[in-house]
Amino acid sequence: MNAVLEFFCVSHTFRSRGREVQALRDVSLSLSEGEVFGFVGPNGAGKSTTIKVMLDIINDYQGQVRIYGVDARRADARQPLAFVPESPALYEQFTPLEILRMGLSMYGIKRKDAGAWCMHWLERFSVAQNAKRRIRELSKGNVQRVALAHAMAVQPKLLVLDEPLSGLDPVGRKDVVDILTEYKKQGGAIFFTSHVLHDVERIADRFGFINKGELLTVRSPRELAAERVDQMLVRFNAEQQLLSSCKQLRDMEFECELSQAELPAFIAQLNNVGGHLLTIKPSVSLETVFFNILEQASR
């Protein structure tokens, strides 16, 4: 497959309050056509800085970034790219329909059916009913939908999304996931960040974990599953938590992750306190792996 996005040993340092901060440290990654790359990390890890580098908002970095083989510092490198920030700053006095038509114009896209084409994407993101209302009259979730429709209307080859499901209700999240999945099947590439690890698991082909500017690991769902094959997710009823690692789901119902070797002793303990085992299933949790990686990095 052709490489859509490539980072080669990218580092970036900036000054804050009189001291130097290493925002990125030798970050190398790649993204291919038809692939979704989920970029995960805590606040301040370097996710937004990485996006700013590929968008040439930050260009005083060391290393090299290419988009379809073109140096990211060149303006034409971003022609096949569309970006949706976490909090889109759309012109409040314009309508969604005007925003999308303006996007086509800025990308130099001339279509005889421009109005119908823009309405098609507003319908796909369930905001067609607000097509002629001012942006300032819309909710945060609907503004997010308009921004996503705006990005898709220009038919990018690479979609860069910063927290794309932020502010959306469950129905909106499902709609967006379905559209992104279809886009991927058609050969589109997606690079996105998210704090909601469940969303990353649903969409991404590979996950990149970044912390303190350093890309700690890149893994696929298959690698993740193989790594967690010994771990089981146990749900049970009891009057007490039993283990400090257990998470309370509701009154007297808990959930915890255990290795297969730990299960017999735990079940015996549960029986001793009069508890009841509800379910046991294999655990393939991106969240657990994420925190394990952070813990190992801190050591």
Protein backbone atom coordinates (compact mmCIF):
# COMPACT_ATOMS: atom_id res chain seq x y z
CA MET A 1 0.00 0.00 0.00
CA ASN A 2 1.08 3.58 -0.64
CA ALA A 3 2.26 5.58 2.35
CA VAL A 4 -0.15 8.43 3.07
CA LEU A 5 1.58 9.93 6.10
CA GLU A 6 5.15 9.43 7.32
CA PHE A 7 6.99 10.81 10.35
CA PHE A 8 10.75 10.26 10.46
CA CYS A 9 12.42 10.91 13.85
CA VAL A 10 10.43 14.07 14.52
CA SER A 11 11.38 16.12 17.59
CA HIS A 12 10.14 19.50 18.73
CA THR A 13 11.14 21.67 21.68
CA PHE A 14 9.55 24.92 22.84
CA ARG A 15 10.11 27.33 25.70
CA SER A 16 7.56 27.76 28.47
CA ARG A 17 8.07 30.02 31.49
CA GLY A 18 11.77 30.25 30.81
CA ARG A 19 12.44 26.54 30.42
CA GLU A 20 12.65 24.18 27.48
CA VAL A 21 9.91 21.59 27.04
CA GLN A 22 10.36 18.54 24.79
CA ALA A 23 6.98 18.25 23.11
CA LEU A 24 8.00 15.46 20.70
CA ARG A 25 10.96 13.11 20.98
CA ASP A 26 12.06 11.13 17.88
CA VAL A 27 8.51 10.25 16.79
CA SER A 28 8.39 7.89 13.80
CA LEU A 29 5.15 6.48 12.39
CA SER A 30 3.40 5.80 9.10
CA LEU A 31 -0.15 5.55 7.78
CA SER A 32 -1.25 3.70 4.63
CA GLU A 33 -4.24 4.04 2.31
CA GLY A 34 -7.41 2.55 3.76
CA GLU A 35 -5.95 2.49 7.28
CA VAL A 36 -7.20 4.09 10.49
CA PHE A 37 -4.55 5.11 13.03
CA GLY A 38 -5.72 5.93 16.56
CA PHE A 39 -3.40 8.22 18.51
CA VAL A 40 -3.79 7.82 22.27
CA GLY A 41 -2.18 9.53 25.23
CA PRO A 42 -2.88 11.59 28.36
CA ASN A 43 -3.31 15.37 28.30
CA GLY A 44 -0.08 17.10 27.28
CA ALA A 45 1.39 13.90 25.81
CA GLY A 46 2.06 15.41 22.37
CA LYS A 47 -1.06 14.44 20.39
CA SER A 48 -2.05 17.97 19.37
CA THR A 49 1.59 18.91 18.68
CA THR A 50 1.84 15.96 16.29
CA ILE A 51 -1.21 17.18 14.40
CA LYS A 52 0.14 20.76 14.30
CA VAL A 53 3.36 19.44 12.78
CA MET A 54 1.59 17.64 9.95
CA LEU A 55 -0.56 20.75 9.31
CA ASP A 56 2.54 23.01 9.21
CA ILE A 57 1.21 25.06 12.12
CA ILE A 58 4.47 24.05 13.80
CA ASN A 59 7.38 23.89 11.36
CA ASP A 60 10.48 24.47 13.52
CA TYR A 61 10.89 20.77 14.24
CA GLN A 62 13.72 18.33 13.62
CA GLY A 63 13.14 15.32 11.40
CA GLN A 64 10.92 14.92 8.37
CA VAL A 65 7.18 14.63 7.73
CA ARG A 66 5.71 13.59 4.38
CA ILE A 67 2.14 13.50 3.12
CA TYR A 68 1.89 11.32 0.00
CA GLY A 69 5.65 11.70 -0.34
CA VAL A 70 5.56 15.52 -0.28
CA ASP A 71 7.34 17.47 2.48
CA ALA A 72 4.65 18.62 4.94
CA ARG A 73 6.19 22.11 5.02
CA ARG A 74 4.99 22.64 1.44
CA ALA A 75 1.47 24.04 1.02
CA ASP A 76 0.55 21.57 -1.74
CA ALA A 77 1.24 18.66 0.65
CA ARG A 78 -2.04 19.38 2.42
CA GLN A 79 -4.22 19.47 -0.71
CA PRO A 80 -5.44 15.87 -0.16
CA LEU A 81 -5.98 16.44 3.57
CA ALA A 82 -8.98 17.62 5.61
CA PHE A 83 -8.80 18.44 9.31
CA VAL A 84 -11.48 18.65 12.00
CA PRO A 85 -10.32 20.09 15.36
CA GLU A 86 -11.84 19.15 18.71
CA SER A 87 -13.64 22.50 18.96
CA PRO A 88 -14.34 23.65 15.38
CA ALA A 89 -14.22 27.45 14.97
CA LEU A 90 -16.79 27.91 12.18
CA TYR A 91 -17.94 31.37 11.09
CA GLU A 92 -20.95 31.92 13.36
CA GLN A 93 -22.80 34.23 10.96
CA PHE A 94 -22.84 31.62 8.17
CA THR A 95 -25.18 28.68 7.71
CA PRO A 96 -24.03 25.04 7.46
CA LEU A 97 -24.84 25.04 3.75
CA GLU A 98 -22.71 28.16 3.23
CA ILE A 99 -19.87 26.63 5.24
CA LEU A 100 -19.78 23.53 3.03
CA ARG A 101 -20.02 25.51 -0.21
CA MET A 102 -17.18 27.73 0.98
CA GLY A 103 -15.12 24.61 1.69
CA LEU A 104 -15.56 23.41 -1.90
CA SER A 105 -14.49 26.82 -3.17
CA MET A 106 -11.38 26.93 -0.95
CA TYR A 107 -10.32 23.49 -2.24
CA GLY A 108 -10.89 24.59 -5.84
CA ILE A 109 -13.64 22.01 -6.31
CA LYS A 110 -16.15 23.01 -9.00
CA ARG A 111 -19.36 21.01 -9.21
CA LYS A 112 -22.54 21.80 -11.10
CA ASP A 113 -24.46 20.06 -8.32
CA ALA A 114 -22.56 21.81 -5.48
CA GLY A 115 -25.73 22.66 -3.55
CA ALA A 116 -27.11 19.12 -3.75
CA TRP A 117 -23.69 17.66 -2.95
CA CYS A 118 -23.40 19.78 0.21
CA MET A 119 -26.94 18.89 1.25
CA HIS A 120 -26.08 15.21 0.76
CA TRP A 121 -23.32 15.45 3.37
CA LEU A 122 -25.43 17.49 5.76
CA GLU A 123 -28.06 14.75 5.48
CA ARG A 124 -25.43 12.05 6.10
CA PHE A 125 -24.52 13.78 9.37
CA SER A 126 -28.19 14.46 10.28
CA VAL A 127 -27.97 18.27 10.18
CA ALA A 128 -29.81 18.93 6.89
CA GLN A 129 -32.74 20.31 8.85
CA ASN A 130 -30.43 23.06 10.09
CA ALA A 131 -28.88 23.79 6.70
CA LYS A 132 -30.07 27.40 6.61
CA ARG A 133 -29.76 28.29 10.28
CA ARG A 134 -26.80 30.32 11.55
CA ILE A 135 -23.94 28.38 13.11
CA ARG A 136 -24.33 30.43 16.32
CA GLU A 137 -27.85 28.98 16.72
CA LEU A 138 -26.67 25.37 16.74
CA SER A 139 -25.68 23.12 19.64
CA LYS A 140 -22.06 22.01 20.11
CA GLY A 141 -22.92 18.55 18.82
CA ASN A 142 -24.51 19.91 15.66
CA VAL A 143 -21.55 22.24 15.03
CA GLN A 144 -19.31 19.16 15.29
CA ARG A 145 -21.49 17.38 12.73
CA VAL A 146 -21.27 20.38 10.36
CA ALA A 147 -17.47 20.41 10.68
CA LEU A 148 -17.31 16.69 9.86
CA ALA A 149 -19.67 17.15 6.89
CA HIS A 150 -17.49 20.05 5.71
CA ALA A 151 -14.40 17.80 5.80
CA MET A 152 -16.08 14.92 3.95
CA ALA A 153 -17.61 17.16 1.27
CA VAL A 154 -14.15 17.99 -0.15
CA GLN A 155 -13.46 14.24 -0.56
CA PRO A 156 -10.05 14.12 1.15
CA LYS A 157 -7.65 11.23 0.83
CA LEU A 158 -6.43 11.79 4.39
CA LEU A 159 -8.76 12.76 7.23
CA VAL A 160 -7.15 14.16 10.38
CA LEU A 161 -9.51 14.27 13.36
CA ASP A 162 -8.86 15.62 16.85
CA GLU A 163 -11.44 14.10 19.23
CA PRO A 164 -13.98 13.62 16.39
CA LEU A 165 -16.76 12.24 18.62
CA SER A 166 -16.51 14.99 21.23
CA GLY A 167 -19.88 16.52 22.10
CA LEU A 168 -21.91 13.92 20.20
CA ASP A 169 -24.74 11.90 21.71
CA PRO A 170 -24.71 8.06 21.40
CA VAL A 171 -26.75 8.14 18.16
CA GLY A 172 -24.43 10.77 16.69
CA ARG A 173 -21.36 8.76 17.68
CA LYS A 174 -22.71 5.66 15.92
CA ASP A 175 -23.57 7.65 12.78
CA VAL A 176 -20.07 9.13 12.60
CA VAL A 177 -18.40 5.76 13.22
CA ASP A 178 -20.48 4.23 10.39
CA ILE A 179 -19.51 7.04 7.98
CA LEU A 180 -15.82 6.79 8.89
CA THR A 181 -15.91 3.02 8.43
CA GLU A 182 -17.42 3.45 4.96
CA TYR A 183 -14.79 6.09 4.12
CA LYS A 184 -12.04 3.68 5.14
CA LYS A 185 -13.48 0.89 2.96
CA GLN A 186 -13.30 3.26 -0.01
CA GLY A 187 -9.54 3.69 0.55
CA GLY A 188 -9.52 6.80 2.73
CA ALA A 189 -6.91 7.09 5.48
CA ILE A 190 -7.75 8.43 8.95
CA PHE A 191 -5.46 9.74 11.67
CA PHE A 192 -7.40 10.58 14.82
CA THR A 193 -6.93 11.28 18.50
CA SER A 194 -9.41 10.38 21.20
CA HIS A 195 -9.67 10.19 24.98
CA VAL A 196 -12.49 7.65 24.61
CA LEU A 197 -10.52 4.42 24.24
CA HIS A 198 -13.63 2.41 23.38
CA ASP A 199 -14.03 4.58 20.24
CA VAL A 200 -10.41 3.91 19.30
CA GLU A 201 -10.94 0.16 19.65
CA ARG A 202 -14.01 0.29 17.41
CA ILE A 203 -12.41 2.24 14.56
CA ALA A 204 -8.62 1.90 14.51
CA ASP A 205 -6.50 -0.65 12.66
CA ARG A 206 -3.48 0.34 14.75
CA PHE A 207 -3.02 2.27 17.99
CA GLY A 208 -0.12 4.59 18.79
CA PHE A 209 0.52 5.31 22.49
CA ILE A 210 2.32 8.59 23.19
CA ASN A 211 3.43 9.99 26.55
CA LYS A 212 5.63 13.00 27.33
CA GLY A 213 6.37 13.43 23.63
CA GLU A 214 7.61 9.87 23.14
CA LEU A 215 5.79 7.30 21.02
CA LEU A 216 5.95 4.33 23.37
CA THR A 217 4.46 1.66 21.13
CA VAL A 218 2.31 1.01 18.06
CA ARG A 219 0.08 -2.05 18.06
CA SER A 220 -2.73 -3.65 16.10
CA PRO A 221 -5.93 -5.18 17.59
CA ARG A 222 -4.54 -8.65 16.80
CA GLU A 223 -1.38 -7.94 18.76
CA LEU A 224 -3.47 -6.51 21.57
CA ALA A 225 -5.64 -9.65 21.69
CA ALA A 226 -2.60 -11.94 21.73
CA GLU A 227 -1.09 -9.94 24.55
CA ARG A 228 -4.22 -10.19 26.69
CA VAL A 229 -5.08 -13.84 25.96
CA ASP A 230 -4.45 -14.87 29.59
CA GLN A 231 -6.61 -12.09 31.06
CA MET A 232 -10.26 -12.63 31.99
CA LEU A 233 -12.98 -10.11 32.79
CA VAL A 234 -14.97 -11.30 35.81
CA ARG A 235 -18.33 -9.88 36.83
CA PHE A 236 -19.83 -10.85 40.20
CA ASN A 237 -22.33 -10.00 42.95
CA ALA A 238 -21.09 -9.47 46.48
CA GLU A 239 -21.59 -7.21 49.49
CA GLN A 240 -18.00 -5.99 49.22
CA GLN A 241 -15.46 -5.17 46.52
CA LEU A 242 -13.08 -8.07 47.43
CA LEU A 243 -10.16 -6.61 45.43
CA SER A 244 -9.01 -2.99 45.26
CA SER A 245 -8.74 -3.32 41.46
CA CYS A 246 -12.44 -4.15 41.11
CA LYS A 247 -14.78 -1.58 39.59
CA GLN A 248 -18.31 -1.16 40.99
CA LEU A 249 -20.94 -1.24 38.24
CA ARG A 250 -24.03 -0.88 40.41
CA ASP A 251 -25.21 -1.81 43.88
CA MET A 252 -23.52 -5.09 44.87
CA GLU A 253 -22.29 -5.72 41.31
CA PHE A 254 -18.57 -5.52 40.52
CA GLU A 255 -16.14 -6.21 37.69
CA CYS A 256 -12.42 -6.94 37.72
CA GLU A 257 -9.69 -8.27 35.46
CA LEU A 258 -7.79 -11.38 36.53
CA SER A 259 -5.32 -13.78 35.00
CA GLN A 260 -6.43 -17.38 34.56
CA ALA A 261 -4.00 -18.40 37.30
CA GLU A 262 -5.71 -16.03 39.75
CA LEU A 263 -9.25 -17.26 39.02
CA PRO A 264 -9.47 -20.34 41.32
CA ALA A 265 -8.38 -18.41 44.44
CA PHE A 266 -10.73 -15.55 43.61
CA ILE A 267 -13.73 -17.84 43.08
CA ALA A 268 -13.00 -19.56 46.41
CA GLN A 269 -12.85 -16.14 48.11
CA LEU A 270 -16.13 -15.14 46.44
CA ASN A 271 -17.84 -18.32 47.68
CA ASN A 272 -16.56 -17.73 51.22
CA VAL A 273 -18.28 -14.32 51.41
CA GLY A 274 -21.52 -15.61 49.89
CA GLY A 275 -21.02 -13.88 46.55
CA HIS A 276 -22.20 -15.05 43.14
CA LEU A 277 -20.25 -15.29 39.91
CA LEU A 278 -22.13 -13.68 36.99
CA THR A 279 -19.87 -13.90 33.94
CA ILE A 280 -16.30 -14.70 32.93
CA LYS A 281 -15.06 -13.68 29.50
CA PRO A 282 -11.70 -12.97 27.83
CA SER A 283 -10.49 -9.41 28.40
CA VAL A 284 -9.08 -7.49 25.47
CA SER A 285 -9.04 -3.99 26.92
CA LEU A 286 -7.22 -1.12 25.25
CA GLU A 287 -7.73 0.87 28.43
CA THR A 288 -5.90 -1.72 30.54
CA VAL A 289 -3.01 -1.90 28.08
CA PHE A 290 -2.86 1.90 27.96
CA PHE A 291 -2.47 2.20 31.73
CA ASN A 292 0.02 -0.68 31.83
CA ILE A 293 2.18 1.10 29.26
CA LEU A 294 2.03 4.35 31.19
CA GLU A 295 2.98 2.52 34.39
CA GLN A 296 5.93 0.82 32.71
CA ALA A 297 7.06 4.16 31.23
CA SER A 298 6.93 5.85 34.64
CA ARG A 299 9.21 3.14 36.06
